[in-house]
């Protein structure tokens, strides 16, 4: 399963705005760095990882 285009765009934008490494961002989200790397390359990842990414993005936008 892959992130939607909007999720992927939002994740990439947020990573750039925060100016963090994949390792640091993966820790913030609560997923493995390899999983995040695959997600950013628009490759398949597990649905649970997609849920964690989506929840993290939503939480970030709700708190800003």
N, C-alpha and C. Protein backbone atom coordinates (compact mmCIF):
# COMPACT_ATOMS: atom_id res chain seq x y z
N UNK A 1 0.84 -1.17 0.00
CA UNK A 1 0.00 0.00 0.00
C UNK A 1 0.90 1.25 0.00
N UNK A 2 0.47 2.27 -0.72
CA UNK A 2 1.25 3.50 -0.83
C UNK A 2 0.48 4.67 -0.22
N UNK A 3 1.22 5.72 0.11
CA UNK A 3 0.59 6.96 0.55
C UNK A 3 -0.13 7.58 -0.65
N UNK A 4 -1.19 8.32 -0.37
CA UNK A 4 -1.86 9.05 -1.44
C UNK A 4 -0.93 10.18 -1.90
N UNK A 5 -1.24 10.75 -3.05
CA UNK A 5 -0.41 11.85 -3.56
C UNK A 5 -0.40 13.01 -2.58
N UNK A 6 -1.55 13.30 -1.98
CA UNK A 6 -1.63 14.41 -1.01
C UNK A 6 -0.82 14.11 0.25
N UNK A 7 -0.90 12.88 0.74
CA UNK A 7 -0.13 12.49 1.93
C UNK A 7 1.36 12.60 1.64
N UNK A 8 1.77 12.09 0.49
CA UNK A 8 3.19 12.11 0.11
C UNK A 8 3.69 13.55 -0.03
N UNK A 9 2.91 14.38 -0.68
CA UNK A 9 3.27 15.79 -0.85
C UNK A 9 3.39 16.48 0.51
N UNK A 10 2.45 16.21 1.39
CA UNK A 10 2.45 16.81 2.72
C UNK A 10 3.65 16.33 3.53
N UNK A 11 3.96 15.04 3.45
CA UNK A 11 5.09 14.49 4.18
C UNK A 11 6.40 15.09 3.69
N UNK A 12 6.56 15.17 2.39
CA UNK A 12 7.79 15.75 1.82
C UNK A 12 7.91 17.22 2.18
N UNK A 13 6.81 17.96 2.11
CA UNK A 13 6.82 19.38 2.44
C UNK A 13 7.19 19.58 3.91
N UNK A 14 6.58 18.78 4.78
CA UNK A 14 6.85 18.90 6.21
C UNK A 14 8.30 18.57 6.53
N UNK A 15 8.84 17.53 5.91
CA UNK A 15 10.25 17.17 6.12
C UNK A 15 11.15 18.34 5.72
N UNK A 16 10.85 18.96 4.58
CA UNK A 16 11.64 20.09 4.12
C UNK A 16 11.52 21.30 5.03
N UNK A 17 10.30 21.59 5.46
CA UNK A 17 10.08 22.74 6.34
C UNK A 17 10.80 22.57 7.67
N UNK A 18 10.79 21.34 8.18
CA UNK A 18 11.41 21.07 9.47
C UNK A 18 12.93 20.94 9.34
N UNK A 19 13.41 20.70 8.11
CA UNK A 19 14.84 20.54 7.85
C UNK A 19 15.45 19.47 8.75
N UNK A 20 14.83 18.27 8.72
CA UNK A 20 15.30 17.16 9.54
C UNK A 20 15.71 15.99 8.64
N UNK A 21 16.50 15.10 9.21
CA UNK A 21 16.91 13.90 8.49
C UNK A 21 15.78 12.88 8.49
N UNK A 22 15.91 11.89 7.64
CA UNK A 22 14.93 10.80 7.62
C UNK A 22 14.93 10.08 8.96
N UNK A 23 16.09 9.89 9.54
CA UNK A 23 16.19 9.21 10.83
C UNK A 23 15.43 9.98 11.91
N UNK A 24 15.65 11.28 11.98
CA UNK A 24 14.98 12.10 12.99
C UNK A 24 13.47 12.13 12.77
N UNK A 25 13.05 12.27 11.52
CA UNK A 25 11.62 12.32 11.23
C UNK A 25 10.96 10.98 11.53
N UNK A 26 11.63 9.89 11.19
CA UNK A 26 11.08 8.57 11.48
C UNK A 26 10.86 8.37 12.98
N UNK A 27 11.81 8.85 13.79
CA UNK A 27 11.66 8.75 15.24
C UNK A 27 10.46 9.55 15.72
N UNK A 28 10.28 10.76 15.16
CA UNK A 28 9.14 11.60 15.55
C UNK A 28 7.81 10.91 15.22
N UNK A 29 7.77 10.27 14.05
CA UNK A 29 6.54 9.62 13.60
C UNK A 29 6.32 8.30 14.34
N UNK A 30 7.42 7.62 14.68
CA UNK A 30 7.31 6.32 15.35
C UNK A 30 7.38 5.15 14.39
N UNK A 31 8.12 5.35 13.28
CA UNK A 31 8.31 4.27 12.32
C UNK A 31 9.80 4.10 12.04
N UNK A 32 10.14 3.00 11.38
CA UNK A 32 11.52 2.70 11.02
C UNK A 32 12.00 3.64 9.92
N UNK A 33 13.27 4.00 9.95
CA UNK A 33 13.81 4.92 8.94
C UNK A 33 13.71 4.34 7.53
N UNK A 34 13.85 3.03 7.40
CA UNK A 34 13.73 2.41 6.07
C UNK A 34 12.30 2.51 5.55
N UNK A 35 11.35 2.37 6.46
CA UNK A 35 9.94 2.50 6.08
C UNK A 35 9.67 3.91 5.60
N UNK A 36 10.17 4.90 6.32
CA UNK A 36 9.97 6.29 5.91
C UNK A 36 10.65 6.55 4.57
N UNK A 37 11.83 6.03 4.39
CA UNK A 37 12.53 6.20 3.12
C UNK A 37 11.72 5.61 1.97
N UNK A 38 11.15 4.43 2.17
CA UNK A 38 10.32 3.81 1.13
C UNK A 38 9.08 4.66 0.86
N UNK A 39 8.47 5.17 1.93
CA UNK A 39 7.27 6.02 1.77
C UNK A 39 7.60 7.26 0.94
N UNK A 40 8.74 7.89 1.24
CA UNK A 40 9.13 9.10 0.52
C UNK A 40 9.46 8.83 -0.94
N UNK A 41 9.82 7.58 -1.27
CA UNK A 41 10.10 7.20 -2.65
C UNK A 41 8.86 6.68 -3.36
N UNK A 42 7.70 6.80 -2.69
CA UNK A 42 6.42 6.35 -3.23
C UNK A 42 6.41 4.84 -3.48
N UNK A 43 7.01 4.10 -2.53
CA UNK A 43 7.00 2.65 -2.60
C UNK A 43 5.99 2.11 -1.58
N UNK A 44 5.69 0.83 -1.69
CA UNK A 44 4.72 0.20 -0.79
C UNK A 44 5.24 0.12 0.64
N UNK A 45 4.34 0.41 1.59
CA UNK A 45 4.62 0.23 3.01
C UNK A 45 3.37 -0.36 3.65
N UNK A 46 3.51 -0.82 4.89
CA UNK A 46 2.39 -1.45 5.58
C UNK A 46 1.31 -0.43 5.93
N UNK A 47 0.06 -0.87 5.93
CA UNK A 47 -1.05 0.03 6.29
C UNK A 47 -0.87 0.68 7.67
N UNK A 48 -0.31 -0.05 8.63
CA UNK A 48 -0.10 0.53 9.96
C UNK A 48 0.87 1.71 9.89
N UNK A 49 1.89 1.60 9.06
CA UNK A 49 2.84 2.71 8.90
C UNK A 49 2.17 3.91 8.25
N UNK A 50 1.30 3.65 7.29
CA UNK A 50 0.55 4.74 6.65
C UNK A 50 -0.32 5.44 7.68
N UNK A 51 -0.95 4.65 8.54
CA UNK A 51 -1.80 5.22 9.59
C UNK A 51 -0.97 6.08 10.54
N UNK A 52 0.21 5.61 10.93
CA UNK A 52 1.07 6.38 11.83
C UNK A 52 1.51 7.69 11.18
N UNK A 53 1.88 7.63 9.91
CA UNK A 53 2.29 8.84 9.19
C UNK A 53 1.12 9.82 9.11
N UNK A 54 -0.05 9.31 8.74
CA UNK A 54 -1.22 10.16 8.61
C UNK A 54 -1.60 10.80 9.94
N UNK A 55 -1.60 10.00 11.00
CA UNK A 55 -1.93 10.53 12.33
C UNK A 55 -0.93 11.61 12.75
N UNK A 56 0.35 11.38 12.47
CA UNK A 56 1.37 12.36 12.83
C UNK A 56 1.18 13.66 12.05
N UNK A 57 0.91 13.54 10.75
CA UNK A 57 0.69 14.73 9.94
C UNK A 57 -0.53 15.51 10.43
N UNK A 58 -1.62 14.79 10.70
CA UNK A 58 -2.83 15.45 11.19
C UNK A 58 -2.58 16.14 12.52
N UNK A 59 -1.89 15.46 13.42
CA UNK A 59 -1.60 16.04 14.73
C UNK A 59 -0.74 17.29 14.58
N UNK A 60 0.22 17.23 13.69
CA UNK A 60 1.11 18.38 13.45
C UNK A 60 0.32 19.58 12.93
N UNK A 61 -0.57 19.33 11.98
CA UNK A 61 -1.34 20.44 11.41
C UNK A 61 -2.39 20.97 12.37
N UNK A 62 -2.94 20.11 13.21
CA UNK A 62 -3.94 20.55 14.18
C UNK A 62 -3.30 21.41 15.27
N UNK A 63 -2.03 21.16 15.57
CA UNK A 63 -1.35 21.89 16.64
C UNK A 63 -0.61 23.13 16.15
N UNK A 64 -0.64 23.39 14.87
CA UNK A 64 0.02 24.60 14.32
C UNK A 64 -0.97 25.68 14.03
